[in-house]
Amino acid sequence: MLIRQDVNKLQQANAQVLKSIEQAVVGWIQVMDVRHKETGEHSERVALMTVALAKLRGITDEKHLQSIRYGALLHDIGKIGIPDAILTKPAALTEEEMQLMKQHPQIAYDVLSQNDFLRQYMAIPYQHHERWDGLGYPQGLKGTEISLDARLFSIVDVWDAIYHRRTYKEAWPEKEVLKYLSEQSGKAFDPEICALFIKNYAQLKIAADIS
């Protein structure tokens, strides 16, 4: 009986630690959203939608789904190393500025790889700008060389970027968003996941609490 009680206490303590870590991560990311002039719900929104898409893809393991959630929340953590003048510029970036912006996945890798707990969630922050056709960055990965988590997230990230207003652009009409995503199937996106996203788009919006 005593051993069982000790195990229960340990499990409760571990759950509390994980809850505290998640609260810290979410708070940190909300600060990043504000710095990037996004709504405070941006990172939570893309995390919810990516987890929902992962479930449709057949991922059921709770630990894997938690990893996807944390990775999605942390996707733009590398922008901590990008100057505010670039992050909040209300116009298209110059080529030089774009090259600086493209450093943020590598910065994310450099930051997360040094943290014993957070390095396990590094796939999405490091690989979400890779492309199915191999023309992405920072590693130029192609097809299934890109982790499944990042392939799931990348389509959600692009959807969010063009569906919502940003400092440098207006929101696209929904019809045009879905047309663009379809056109990028097999180019920027894993075609199987792209088809899954478009087929279940209405359901995914509900999962992300988007009207």
N, C-alpha and C. Protein backbone atom coordinates (compact mmCIF):
# COMPACT_ATOMS: atom_id res chain seq x y z
N MET A 1 0.83 -1.21 0.00
CA MET A 1 0.00 0.00 0.00
C MET A 1 0.86 1.25 0.00
N LEU A 2 1.92 1.22 0.82
CA LEU A 2 2.79 2.38 0.90
C LEU A 2 3.47 2.66 -0.44
N ILE A 3 3.88 1.58 -1.11
CA ILE A 3 4.53 1.74 -2.42
C ILE A 3 3.56 2.35 -3.42
N ARG A 4 2.30 1.87 -3.40
CA ARG A 4 1.30 2.40 -4.32
C ARG A 4 1.07 3.89 -4.08
N GLN A 5 1.02 4.29 -2.82
CA GLN A 5 0.84 5.70 -2.47
C GLN A 5 2.02 6.53 -2.96
N ASP A 6 3.23 5.98 -2.81
CA ASP A 6 4.42 6.70 -3.27
C ASP A 6 4.40 6.88 -4.79
N VAL A 7 3.95 5.82 -5.50
CA VAL A 7 3.87 5.91 -6.96
C VAL A 7 2.84 6.95 -7.36
N ASN A 8 1.71 6.98 -6.68
CA ASN A 8 0.66 7.97 -6.98
C ASN A 8 1.17 9.39 -6.75
N LYS A 9 1.90 9.58 -5.66
CA LYS A 9 2.45 10.90 -5.37
C LYS A 9 3.45 11.32 -6.43
N LEU A 10 4.26 10.36 -6.87
CA LEU A 10 5.25 10.65 -7.91
C LEU A 10 4.56 11.02 -9.22
N GLN A 11 3.51 10.29 -9.57
CA GLN A 11 2.77 10.58 -10.79
C GLN A 11 2.12 11.96 -10.72
N GLN A 12 1.57 12.29 -9.57
CA GLN A 12 0.96 13.60 -9.40
C GLN A 12 1.99 14.71 -9.50
N ALA A 13 3.17 14.47 -8.92
CA ALA A 13 4.25 15.45 -8.98
C ALA A 13 4.72 15.65 -10.42
N ASN A 14 4.85 14.54 -11.15
CA ASN A 14 5.27 14.64 -12.55
C ASN A 14 4.24 15.39 -13.39
N ALA A 15 2.97 15.12 -13.13
CA ALA A 15 1.90 15.80 -13.87
C ALA A 15 1.93 17.30 -13.60
N GLN A 16 2.21 17.67 -12.34
CA GLN A 16 2.28 19.08 -11.99
C GLN A 16 3.47 19.75 -12.66
N VAL A 17 4.59 19.04 -12.73
CA VAL A 17 5.78 19.59 -13.40
C VAL A 17 5.48 19.84 -14.88
N LEU A 18 4.86 18.84 -15.53
CA LEU A 18 4.52 18.99 -16.95
C LEU A 18 3.54 20.14 -17.17
N LYS A 19 2.58 20.30 -16.26
CA LYS A 19 1.63 21.40 -16.37
C LYS A 19 2.34 22.74 -16.23
N SER A 20 3.27 22.82 -15.31
CA SER A 20 4.03 24.07 -15.11
C SER A 20 4.89 24.39 -16.34
N ILE A 21 5.49 23.33 -16.92
CA ILE A 21 6.30 23.53 -18.12
C ILE A 21 5.44 24.02 -19.27
N GLU A 22 4.26 23.41 -19.45
CA GLU A 22 3.38 23.84 -20.53
C GLU A 22 2.94 25.28 -20.34
N GLN A 23 2.61 25.66 -19.10
CA GLN A 23 2.21 27.04 -18.85
C GLN A 23 3.34 28.01 -19.18
N ALA A 24 4.57 27.61 -18.85
CA ALA A 24 5.72 28.46 -19.15
C ALA A 24 5.93 28.58 -20.66
N VAL A 25 5.81 27.45 -21.36
CA VAL A 25 5.98 27.44 -22.82
C VAL A 25 4.91 28.30 -23.48
N VAL A 26 3.65 28.10 -23.09
CA VAL A 26 2.56 28.87 -23.68
C VAL A 26 2.73 30.36 -23.41
N GLY A 27 3.13 30.71 -22.19
CA GLY A 27 3.35 32.12 -21.88
C GLY A 27 4.46 32.72 -22.71
N TRP A 28 5.54 31.97 -22.87
CA TRP A 28 6.68 32.40 -23.67
C TRP A 28 6.27 32.63 -25.11
N ILE A 29 5.48 31.71 -25.67
CA ILE A 29 5.06 31.80 -27.06
C ILE A 29 4.07 32.94 -27.26
N GLN A 30 3.21 33.18 -26.30
CA GLN A 30 2.28 34.31 -26.41
C GLN A 30 3.04 35.63 -26.47
N VAL A 31 4.13 35.72 -25.73
CA VAL A 31 4.98 36.92 -25.80
C VAL A 31 5.57 37.05 -27.20
N MET A 32 5.99 35.92 -27.79
CA MET A 32 6.53 35.95 -29.15
C MET A 32 5.47 36.40 -30.15
N ASP A 33 4.23 35.92 -29.97
CA ASP A 33 3.15 36.33 -30.87
C ASP A 33 2.94 37.84 -30.82
N VAL A 34 2.94 38.39 -29.60
CA VAL A 34 2.76 39.82 -29.45
C VAL A 34 3.91 40.58 -30.10
N ARG A 35 5.11 40.08 -29.90
CA ARG A 35 6.30 40.73 -30.49
C ARG A 35 6.21 40.74 -32.01
N HIS A 36 5.65 39.68 -32.57
CA HIS A 36 5.54 39.56 -34.02
C HIS A 36 4.26 40.20 -34.54
N LYS A 37 3.54 40.90 -33.65
CA LYS A 37 2.30 41.58 -34.00
C LYS A 37 1.21 40.62 -34.47
N GLU A 38 1.24 39.41 -33.92
CA GLU A 38 0.18 38.45 -34.22
C GLU A 38 -0.86 38.53 -33.10
N THR A 39 -2.01 37.92 -33.33
CA THR A 39 -2.97 37.81 -32.24
C THR A 39 -2.40 36.84 -31.21
N GLY A 40 -2.82 37.00 -29.98
CA GLY A 40 -2.32 36.14 -28.92
C GLY A 40 -2.71 34.69 -29.10
N GLU A 41 -3.70 34.43 -29.98
CA GLU A 41 -4.18 33.06 -30.18
C GLU A 41 -3.47 32.35 -31.34
N HIS A 42 -2.58 33.01 -32.04
CA HIS A 42 -1.98 32.44 -33.24
C HIS A 42 -1.34 31.07 -32.98
N SER A 43 -0.42 31.00 -32.05
CA SER A 43 0.31 29.75 -31.83
C SER A 43 -0.61 28.66 -31.29
N GLU A 44 -1.53 29.02 -30.42
CA GLU A 44 -2.47 28.03 -29.90
C GLU A 44 -3.38 27.53 -31.02
N ARG A 45 -3.78 28.42 -31.91
CA ARG A 45 -4.65 28.05 -33.03
C ARG A 45 -3.98 27.03 -33.95
N VAL A 46 -2.74 27.31 -34.35
CA VAL A 46 -2.07 26.37 -35.26
C VAL A 46 -1.73 25.07 -34.56
N ALA A 47 -1.50 25.12 -33.24
CA ALA A 47 -1.24 23.89 -32.49
C ALA A 47 -2.48 23.00 -32.46
N LEU A 48 -3.63 23.60 -32.18
CA LEU A 48 -4.88 22.84 -32.14
C LEU A 48 -5.18 22.21 -33.50
N MET A 49 -5.01 22.98 -34.56
CA MET A 49 -5.33 22.47 -35.89
C MET A 49 -4.36 21.37 -36.31
N THR A 50 -3.08 21.52 -35.96
CA THR A 50 -2.10 20.50 -36.33
C THR A 50 -2.37 19.19 -35.60
N VAL A 51 -2.71 19.27 -34.34
CA VAL A 51 -3.04 18.05 -33.59
C VAL A 51 -4.27 17.38 -34.19
N ALA A 52 -5.28 18.18 -34.56
CA ALA A 52 -6.48 17.61 -35.18
C ALA A 52 -6.14 16.94 -36.51
N LEU A 53 -5.27 17.56 -37.29
CA LEU A 53 -4.84 16.98 -38.57
C LEU A 53 -4.05 15.69 -38.34
N ALA A 54 -3.22 15.69 -37.31
CA ALA A 54 -2.44 14.49 -36.97
C ALA A 54 -3.36 13.32 -36.62
N LYS A 55 -4.43 13.60 -35.90
CA LYS A 55 -5.38 12.54 -35.55
C LYS A 55 -6.06 11.99 -36.79
N LEU A 56 -6.41 12.88 -37.73
CA LEU A 56 -7.01 12.42 -38.99
C LEU A 56 -6.02 11.57 -39.78
N ARG A 57 -4.73 11.87 -39.63
CA ARG A 57 -3.68 11.12 -40.31
C ARG A 57 -3.46 9.74 -39.66
N GLY A 58 -4.12 9.52 -38.51
CA GLY A 58 -4.03 8.22 -37.87
C GLY A 58 -3.12 8.16 -36.66
N ILE A 59 -2.61 9.30 -36.22
CA ILE A 59 -1.76 9.33 -35.04
C ILE A 59 -2.64 9.33 -33.80
N THR A 60 -2.47 8.34 -32.97
CA THR A 60 -3.30 8.21 -31.77
C THR A 60 -2.49 8.22 -30.48
N ASP A 61 -1.20 7.98 -30.58
CA ASP A 61 -0.36 7.93 -29.38
C ASP A 61 -0.33 9.30 -28.70
N GLU A 62 -0.72 9.35 -27.44
CA GLU A 62 -0.85 10.62 -26.73
C GLU A 62 0.49 11.35 -26.60
N LYS A 63 1.56 10.57 -26.39
CA LYS A 63 2.87 11.19 -26.27
C LYS A 63 3.28 11.85 -27.58
N HIS A 64 2.99 11.20 -28.69
CA HIS A 64 3.30 11.77 -30.00
C HIS A 64 2.46 13.02 -30.25
N LEU A 65 1.18 12.96 -29.91
CA LEU A 65 0.31 14.13 -30.10
C LEU A 65 0.78 15.30 -29.23
N GLN A 66 1.23 15.00 -28.01
CA GLN A 66 1.76 16.06 -27.16
C GLN A 66 3.02 16.67 -27.77
N SER A 67 3.85 15.83 -28.36
CA SER A 67 5.06 16.32 -29.00
C SER A 67 4.72 17.24 -30.17
N ILE A 68 3.69 16.87 -30.93
CA ILE A 68 3.25 17.71 -32.05
C ILE A 68 2.72 19.04 -31.52
N ARG A 69 1.96 18.99 -30.45
CA ARG A 69 1.41 20.22 -29.87
C ARG A 69 2.53 21.16 -29.42
N TYR A 70 3.48 20.65 -28.67
CA TYR A 70 4.57 21.49 -28.20
C TYR A 70 5.42 22.01 -29.36
N GLY A 71 5.66 21.13 -30.34
CA GLY A 71 6.44 21.57 -31.50
C GLY A 71 5.75 22.70 -32.24
N ALA A 72 4.42 22.58 -32.39
CA ALA A 72 3.65 23.63 -33.07
C ALA A 72 3.67 24.92 -32.26
N LEU A 73 3.53 24.81 -30.96
CA LEU A 73 3.58 26.02 -30.12
C LEU A 73 4.94 26.72 -30.24
N LEU A 74 5.99 25.93 -30.39
CA LEU A 74 7.35 26.46 -30.42
C LEU A 74 7.84 26.78 -31.83
N HIS A 75 6.98 26.68 -32.84
CA HIS A 75 7.45 26.73 -34.22
C HIS A 75 8.23 27.98 -34.58
N ASP A 76 7.86 29.10 -33.99
CA ASP A 76 8.53 30.35 -34.35
C ASP A 76 9.48 30.85 -33.27
N ILE A 77 9.90 29.96 -32.38
CA ILE A 77 10.77 30.40 -31.29
C ILE A 77 12.08 30.98 -31.81
N GLY A 78 12.51 30.54 -33.00
CA GLY A 78 13.74 31.07 -33.57
C GLY A 78 13.67 32.54 -33.92
N LYS A 79 12.45 33.08 -34.03
CA LYS A 79 12.31 34.50 -34.36
C LYS A 79 12.76 35.40 -33.21
N ILE A 80 13.07 34.78 -32.07
CA ILE A 80 13.62 35.56 -30.96
C ILE A 80 14.94 36.20 -31.37
N GLY A 81 15.61 35.62 -32.37
CA GLY A 81 16.89 36.15 -32.83
C GLY A 81 16.78 37.05 -34.05
N ILE A 82 15.55 37.37 -34.49
CA ILE A 82 15.33 38.22 -35.66
C ILE A 82 14.99 39.64 -35.20
N PRO A 83 15.59 40.67 -35.79
CA PRO A 83 15.32 42.06 -35.37
C PRO A 83 13.85 42.44 -35.51
N ASP A 84 13.36 43.28 -34.59
CA ASP A 84 11.97 43.73 -34.64
C ASP A 84 11.65 44.44 -35.95
N ALA A 85 12.61 45.16 -36.48
CA ALA A 85 12.37 45.92 -37.71
C ALA A 85 11.99 45.00 -38.87
N ILE A 86 12.46 43.77 -38.82
CA ILE A 86 12.10 42.79 -39.86
C ILE A 86 10.79 42.10 -39.50
N LEU A 87 10.63 41.70 -38.24
CA LEU A 87 9.43 40.98 -37.82
C LEU A 87 8.16 41.81 -38.01
N THR A 88 8.24 43.11 -37.80
CA THR A 88 7.05 43.96 -37.82
C THR A 88 7.01 44.88 -39.03
N LYS A 89 7.84 44.65 -40.01
CA LYS A 89 7.87 45.51 -41.20
C LYS A 89 6.54 45.42 -41.94
N PRO A 90 5.86 46.55 -42.19
CA PRO A 90 4.54 46.52 -42.84
C PRO A 90 4.65 46.50 -44.36
N ALA A 91 5.59 45.78 -44.89
CA ALA A 91 5.80 45.70 -46.33
C ALA A 91 6.61 44.45 -46.63
N ALA A 92 6.74 44.12 -47.90
CA ALA A 92 7.53 42.96 -48.28
C ALA A 92 8.98 43.15 -47.87
N LEU A 93 9.63 42.05 -47.49
CA LEU A 93 11.02 42.11 -47.07
C LEU A 93 11.94 42.21 -48.28
N THR A 94 13.06 42.88 -48.11
CA THR A 94 14.08 42.89 -49.15
C THR A 94 14.75 41.52 -49.18
N GLU A 95 15.55 41.27 -50.19
CA GLU A 95 16.25 39.98 -50.29
C GLU A 95 17.17 39.78 -49.08
N GLU A 96 17.85 40.84 -48.67
CA GLU A 96 18.75 40.74 -47.52
C GLU A 96 17.96 40.44 -46.24
N GLU A 97 16.83 41.13 -46.08
CA GLU A 97 15.99 40.90 -44.91
C GLU A 97 15.41 39.48 -44.92
N MET A 98 15.05 38.99 -46.09
CA MET A 98 14.51 37.64 -46.19
C MET A 98 15.55 36.60 -45.80
N GLN A 99 16.80 36.84 -46.18
CA GLN A 99 17.86 35.91 -45.80
C GLN A 99 18.04 35.87 -44.29
N LEU A 100 17.89 37.02 -43.64
CA LEU A 100 17.95 37.06 -42.18
C LEU A 100 16.76 36.31 -41.58
N MET A 101 15.57 36.54 -42.14
CA MET A 101 14.38 35.87 -41.63
C MET A 101 14.51 34.35 -41.76
N LYS A 102 15.13 33.89 -42.84
CA LYS A 102 15.28 32.46 -43.08
C LYS A 102 16.22 31.79 -42.08
N GLN A 103 16.86 32.57 -41.23
CA GLN A 103 17.73 32.00 -40.22
C GLN A 103 16.96 31.47 -39.01
N HIS A 104 15.66 31.81 -38.91
CA HIS A 104 14.96 31.48 -37.67
C HIS A 104 14.80 29.99 -37.40
N PRO A 105 14.67 29.09 -38.40
CA PRO A 105 14.66 27.67 -38.04
C PRO A 105 15.99 27.19 -37.47
N GLN A 106 17.09 27.70 -38.00
CA GLN A 106 18.39 27.32 -37.46
C GLN A 106 18.58 27.87 -36.05
N ILE A 107 18.08 29.07 -35.81
CA ILE A 107 18.15 29.66 -34.46
C ILE A 107 17.33 28.79 -33.51
N ALA A 108 16.15 28.35 -33.96
CA ALA A 108 15.33 27.47 -33.13
C ALA A 108 16.09 26.20 -32.78
N TYR A 109 16.76 25.62 -33.76
CA TYR A 109 17.56 24.42 -33.50
C TYR A 109 18.64 24.71 -32.46
N ASP A 110 19.34 25.82 -32.63
CA ASP A 110 20.43 26.16 -31.72
C ASP A 110 19.93 26.36 -30.29
N VAL A 111 18.73 26.94 -30.15
CA VAL A 111 18.16 27.18 -28.82
C VAL A 111 17.64 25.89 -28.21
N LEU A 112 16.80 25.17 -28.94
CA LEU A 112 16.13 23.99 -28.39
C LEU A 112 17.07 22.82 -28.17
N SER A 113 18.09 22.70 -29.00
CA SER A 113 19.01 21.57 -28.85
C SER A 113 19.83 21.65 -27.58
N GLN A 114 19.87 22.83 -26.97
CA GLN A 114 20.63 23.01 -25.73
C GLN A 114 19.79 22.76 -24.48
N ASN A 115 18.48 22.49 -24.69
CA ASN A 115 17.57 22.28 -23.57
C ASN A 115 17.19 20.82 -23.48
N ASP A 116 17.51 20.18 -22.37
CA ASP A 116 17.29 18.74 -22.22
C ASP A 116 15.83 18.35 -22.40
N PHE A 117 14.90 19.20 -21.99
CA PHE A 117 13.48 18.88 -22.10
C PHE A 117 12.92 19.25 -23.47
N LEU A 118 13.26 20.44 -23.99
CA LEU A 118 12.63 20.95 -25.20
C LEU A 118 13.20 20.39 -26.50
N ARG A 119 14.39 19.78 -26.45
CA ARG A 119 14.98 19.30 -27.70
C ARG A 119 14.13 18.21 -28.37
N GLN A 120 13.30 17.52 -27.58
CA GLN A 120 12.46 16.46 -28.15
C GLN A 120 11.34 17.02 -29.03
N TYR A 121 11.11 18.34 -28.95
CA TYR A 121 10.05 18.97 -29.73
C TYR A 121 10.62 19.81 -30.88
N MET A 122 11.80 19.49 -31.32
CA MET A 122 12.55 20.33 -32.24
C MET A 122 12.16 20.15 -33.70
N ALA A 123 11.53 19.05 -34.07
CA ALA A 123 11.29 18.74 -35.49
C ALA A 123 10.51 19.84 -36.20
N ILE A 124 9.41 20.27 -35.61
CA ILE A 124 8.59 21.29 -36.27
C ILE A 124 9.30 22.64 -36.33
N PRO A 125 9.85 23.17 -35.22
CA PRO A 125 10.56 24.45 -35.32
C PRO A 125 11.71 24.44 -36.32
N TYR A 126 12.39 23.29 -36.44
CA TYR A 126 13.57 23.22 -37.30
C TYR A 126 13.21 22.95 -38.76
N GLN A 127 12.12 22.23 -39.02
CA GLN A 127 11.85 21.74 -40.37
C GLN A 127 10.59 22.31 -41.03
N HIS A 128 9.87 23.23 -40.38
CA HIS A 128 8.58 23.62 -40.94
C HIS A 128 8.66 24.48 -42.19
N HIS A 129 9.86 24.91 -42.56
CA HIS A 129 10.02 25.63 -43.83
C HIS A 129 10.70 24.77 -44.90
N GLU A 130 10.85 23.49 -44.63
CA GLU A 130 11.28 22.57 -45.68
C GLU A 130 10.09 22.33 -46.61
N ARG A 131 10.38 21.96 -47.85
CA ARG A 131 9.34 21.74 -48.85
C ARG A 131 9.41 20.32 -49.41
N TRP A 132 8.27 19.80 -49.80
CA TRP A 132 8.18 18.45 -50.36
C TRP A 132 9.10 18.30 -51.57
N ASP A 133 9.25 19.39 -52.37
CA ASP A 133 10.08 19.33 -53.57
C ASP A 133 11.56 19.58 -53.32
N GLY A 134 11.93 19.78 -52.06
CA GLY A 134 13.33 19.95 -51.71
C GLY A 134 13.85 21.37 -51.83
N LEU A 135 12.97 22.33 -52.12
CA LEU A 135 13.40 23.72 -52.33
C LEU A 135 13.24 24.59 -51.08
N GLY A 136 13.00 23.95 -49.94
CA GLY A 136 12.84 24.71 -48.70
C GLY A 136 14.15 24.96 -47.99
N TYR A 137 14.05 25.37 -46.73
CA TYR A 137 15.23 25.69 -45.93
C TYR A 137 14.97 25.31 -44.47
N PRO A 138 15.99 25.14 -43.64
CA PRO A 138 17.42 25.43 -43.87
C PRO A 138 18.22 24.27 -44.45
N GLN A 139 17.66 23.04 -44.48
CA GLN A 139 18.45 21.88 -44.86
C GLN A 139 18.22 21.41 -46.29
N GLY A 140 17.16 21.91 -46.95
CA GLY A 140 16.85 21.44 -48.29
C GLY A 140 16.37 20.00 -48.31
N LEU A 141 15.67 19.57 -47.25
CA LEU A 141 15.14 18.22 -47.19
C LEU A 141 14.03 18.04 -48.23
N LYS A 142 13.81 16.79 -48.65
CA LYS A 142 12.85 16.51 -49.71
C LYS A 142 11.97 15.34 -49.32
N GLY A 143 10.67 15.44 -49.66
CA GLY A 143 9.75 14.33 -49.44
C GLY A 143 9.75 13.84 -48.01
N THR A 144 9.84 12.53 -47.85
CA THR A 144 9.77 11.95 -46.51
C THR A 144 11.06 12.10 -45.71
N GLU A 145 12.06 12.78 -46.28
CA GLU A 145 13.21 13.18 -45.46
C GLU A 145 12.74 14.16 -44.38
N ILE A 146 11.67 14.88 -44.68
CA ILE A 146 11.08 15.81 -43.72
C ILE A 146 10.24 15.00 -42.73
N SER A 147 10.35 15.30 -41.46
CA SER A 147 9.59 14.55 -40.46
C SER A 147 8.09 14.69 -40.70
N LEU A 148 7.34 13.67 -40.36
CA LEU A 148 5.89 13.71 -40.52
C LEU A 148 5.29 14.88 -39.76
N ASP A 149 5.78 15.13 -38.55
CA ASP A 149 5.25 16.24 -37.74
C ASP A 149 5.38 17.57 -38.49
N ALA A 150 6.53 17.80 -39.09
CA ALA A 150 6.76 19.04 -39.81
C ALA A 150 5.92 19.11 -41.08
N ARG A 151 5.73 17.96 -41.74
CA ARG A 151 4.90 17.94 -42.94
C ARG A 151 3.44 18.26 -42.61
N LEU A 152 2.97 17.77 -41.48
CA LEU A 152 1.62 18.11 -41.03
C LEU A 152 1.51 19.60 -40.72
N PHE A 153 2.50 20.09 -39.98
CA PHE A 153 2.42 21.47 -39.53
C PHE A 153 2.57 22.48 -40.66
N SER A 154 3.40 22.17 -41.64
CA SER A 154 3.73 23.17 -42.66
C SER A 154 2.49 23.65 -43.40
N ILE A 155 1.55 22.75 -43.69
CA ILE A 155 0.35 23.18 -44.40
C ILE A 155 -0.55 24.03 -43.51
N VAL A 156 -0.60 23.71 -42.22
CA VAL A 156 -1.37 24.52 -41.27
C VAL A 156 -0.74 25.91 -41.14
N ASP A 157 0.56 25.96 -41.09
CA ASP A 157 1.28 27.23 -40.93
C ASP A 157 1.04 28.14 -42.13
N VAL A 158 1.13 27.59 -43.34
CA VAL A 158 0.90 28.39 -44.54
C VAL A 158 -0.57 28.81 -44.61
N TRP A 159 -1.46 27.88 -44.31
CA TRP A 159 -2.89 28.26 -44.27
C TRP A 159 -3.11 29.45 -43.35
N ASP A 160 -2.56 29.37 -42.15
CA ASP A 160 -2.77 30.43 -41.16
C ASP A 160 -2.19 31.76 -41.65
N ALA A 161 -1.03 31.70 -42.30
CA ALA A 161 -0.37 32.91 -42.75
C ALA A 161 -1.17 33.65 -43.81
N ILE A 162 -1.84 32.92 -44.70
CA ILE A 162 -2.56 33.60 -45.78
C ILE A 162 -4.04 33.80 -45.48
N TYR A 163 -4.58 33.00 -44.58
CA TYR A 163 -6.00 33.14 -44.23
C TYR A 163 -6.24 34.32 -43.30
N HIS A 164 -5.24 34.68 -42.51
CA HIS A 164 -5.37 35.77 -41.56
C HIS A 164 -4.57 37.00 -41.98
N ARG A 165 -5.01 38.14 -41.54
CA ARG A 165 -4.31 39.38 -41.84
C ARG A 165 -2.98 39.42 -41.11
N ARG A 166 -1.97 39.92 -41.75
CA ARG A 166 -0.66 40.13 -41.15
C ARG A 166 -0.26 41.59 -41.34
N THR A 167 0.80 42.01 -40.69
CA THR A 167 1.21 43.40 -40.78
C THR A 167 1.57 43.81 -42.21
N TYR A 168 1.98 42.85 -43.03
CA TYR A 168 2.45 43.13 -44.38
C TYR A 168 1.44 42.74 -45.46
N LYS A 169 0.26 42.21 -45.08
CA LYS A 169 -0.70 41.76 -46.08
C LYS A 169 -2.10 41.66 -45.49
N GLU A 170 -3.09 41.72 -46.36
CA GLU A 170 -4.46 41.49 -45.95
C GLU A 170 -4.76 39.99 -46.00
N ALA A 171 -5.84 39.60 -45.33
CA ALA A 171 -6.27 38.20 -45.37
C ALA A 171 -6.76 37.85 -46.77
N TRP A 172 -6.48 36.63 -47.18
CA TRP A 172 -6.98 36.15 -48.47
C TRP A 172 -8.41 35.62 -48.33
N PRO A 173 -9.21 35.72 -49.37
CA PRO A 173 -10.53 35.05 -49.35
C PRO A 173 -10.33 33.55 -49.19
N GLU A 174 -11.23 32.92 -48.47
CA GLU A 174 -11.08 31.50 -48.16
C GLU A 174 -10.97 30.64 -49.42
N LYS A 175 -11.75 30.96 -50.43
CA LYS A 175 -11.70 30.19 -51.68
C LYS A 175 -10.31 30.24 -52.30
N GLU A 176 -9.67 31.42 -52.25
CA GLU A 176 -8.34 31.58 -52.82
C GLU A 176 -7.29 30.84 -51.98
N VAL A 177 -7.51 30.81 -50.68
CA VAL A 177 -6.59 30.09 -49.79
C VAL A 177 -6.57 28.61 -50.15
N LEU A 178 -7.74 28.01 -50.25
CA LEU A 178 -7.83 26.58 -50.55
C LEU A 178 -7.31 26.27 -51.96
N LYS A 179 -7.53 27.18 -52.89
CA LYS A 179 -7.01 27.00 -54.25
C LYS A 179 -5.48 26.99 -54.24
N TYR A 180 -4.90 27.93 -53.48
CA TYR A 180 -3.44 28.01 -53.39
C TYR A 180 -2.85 26.75 -52.76
N LEU A 181 -3.46 26.31 -51.68
CA LEU A 181 -2.96 25.10 -51.01
C LEU A 181 -3.01 23.90 -51.95
N SER A 182 -4.10 23.78 -52.70
CA SER A 182 -4.23 22.68 -53.65
C SER A 182 -3.14 22.75 -54.72
N GLU A 183 -2.84 23.96 -55.18
CA GLU A 183 -1.80 24.15 -56.20
C GLU A 183 -0.42 23.78 -55.69
N GLN A 184 -0.22 23.88 -54.38
CA GLN A 184 1.08 23.59 -53.78
C GLN A 184 1.24 22.12 -53.38
N SER A 185 0.21 21.32 -53.61
CA SER A 185 0.30 19.89 -53.34
C SER A 185 1.36 19.26 -54.22
N GLY A 186 2.29 18.53 -53.60
CA GLY A 186 3.38 17.92 -54.34
C GLY A 186 4.53 18.87 -54.62
N LYS A 187 4.36 20.13 -54.28
CA LYS A 187 5.42 21.13 -54.42
C LYS A 187 5.90 21.50 -53.02
N ALA A 188 5.14 22.35 -52.34
CA ALA A 188 5.49 22.70 -50.96
C ALA A 188 5.06 21.60 -49.98
N PHE A 189 3.94 20.93 -50.29
CA PHE A 189 3.31 20.05 -49.31
C PHE A 189 3.28 18.59 -49.73
N ASP A 190 3.33 17.73 -48.74
CA ASP A 190 3.08 16.30 -48.92
C ASP A 190 1.68 16.18 -49.54
N PRO A 191 1.55 15.59 -50.73
CA PRO A 191 0.24 15.56 -51.40
C PRO A 191 -0.83 14.82 -50.61
N GLU A 192 -0.45 13.75 -49.91
CA GLU A 192 -1.42 13.01 -49.11
C GLU A 192 -1.99 13.87 -47.99
N ILE A 193 -1.11 14.59 -47.31
CA ILE A 193 -1.54 15.43 -46.19
C ILE A 193 -2.32 16.64 -46.70
N CYS A 194 -1.91 17.19 -47.83
CA CYS A 194 -2.62 18.32 -48.41
C CYS A 194 -4.05 17.93 -48.75
N ALA A 195 -4.23 16.76 -49.37
CA ALA A 195 -5.57 16.28 -49.71
C ALA A 195 -6.40 16.05 -48.45
N LEU A 196 -5.78 15.52 -47.41
CA LEU A 196 -6.46 15.27 -46.14
C LEU A 196 -6.92 16.58 -45.51
N PHE A 197 -6.06 17.59 -45.56
CA PHE A 197 -6.40 18.90 -45.00
C PHE A 197 -7.59 19.51 -45.73
N ILE A 198 -7.54 19.53 -47.06
CA ILE A 198 -8.60 20.16 -47.84
C ILE A 198 -9.93 19.41 -47.67
N LYS A 199 -9.86 18.09 -47.69
CA LYS A 199 -11.08 17.28 -47.54
C LYS A 199 -11.76 17.53 -46.20
N ASN A 200 -10.97 17.73 -45.15
CA ASN A 200 -11.52 17.87 -43.79
C ASN A 200 -11.41 19.31 -43.27
N TYR A 201 -11.33 20.26 -44.19
CA TYR A 201 -11.07 21.65 -43.80
C TYR A 201 -12.09 22.19 -42.80
N ALA A 202 -13.36 21.99 -43.06
CA ALA A 202 -14.40 22.51 -42.14
C ALA A 202 -14.24 21.93 -40.74
N GLN A 203 -13.97 20.64 -40.67
CA GLN A 203 -13.77 19.97 -39.38
C GLN A 203 -12.54 20.51 -38.66
N LEU A 204 -11.49 20.78 -39.40
CA LEU A 204 -10.24 21.29 -38.81
C LEU A 204 -10.45 22.70 -38.26
N LYS A 205 -11.22 23.50 -38.95
CA LYS A 205 -11.51 24.86 -38.45
C LYS A 205 -12.26 24.80 -37.12
N ILE A 206 -13.19 23.88 -37.02
CA ILE A 206 -13.92 23.71 -35.77
C ILE A 206 -12.97 23.28 -34.65
N ALA A 207 -12.06 22.36 -34.96
CA ALA A 207 -11.11 21.88 -33.97
C ALA A 207 -10.22 23.00 -33.45
N ALA A 208 -9.91 23.96 -34.35
CA ALA A 208 -9.06 25.08 -33.96
C ALA A 208 -9.89 26.26 -33.43
N ASP A 209 -11.21 26.04 -33.27
CA ASP A 209 -12.12 27.05 -32.73
C ASP A 209 -12.14 28.31 -33.60
N ILE A 210 -12.25 28.08 -34.93
CA ILE A 210 -12.28 29.18 -35.89
C ILE A 210 -13.64 29.18 -36.56
N SER A 211 -14.33 30.30 -36.49
CA SER A 211 -15.67 30.38 -37.08
C SER A 211 -15.59 30.69 -38.56
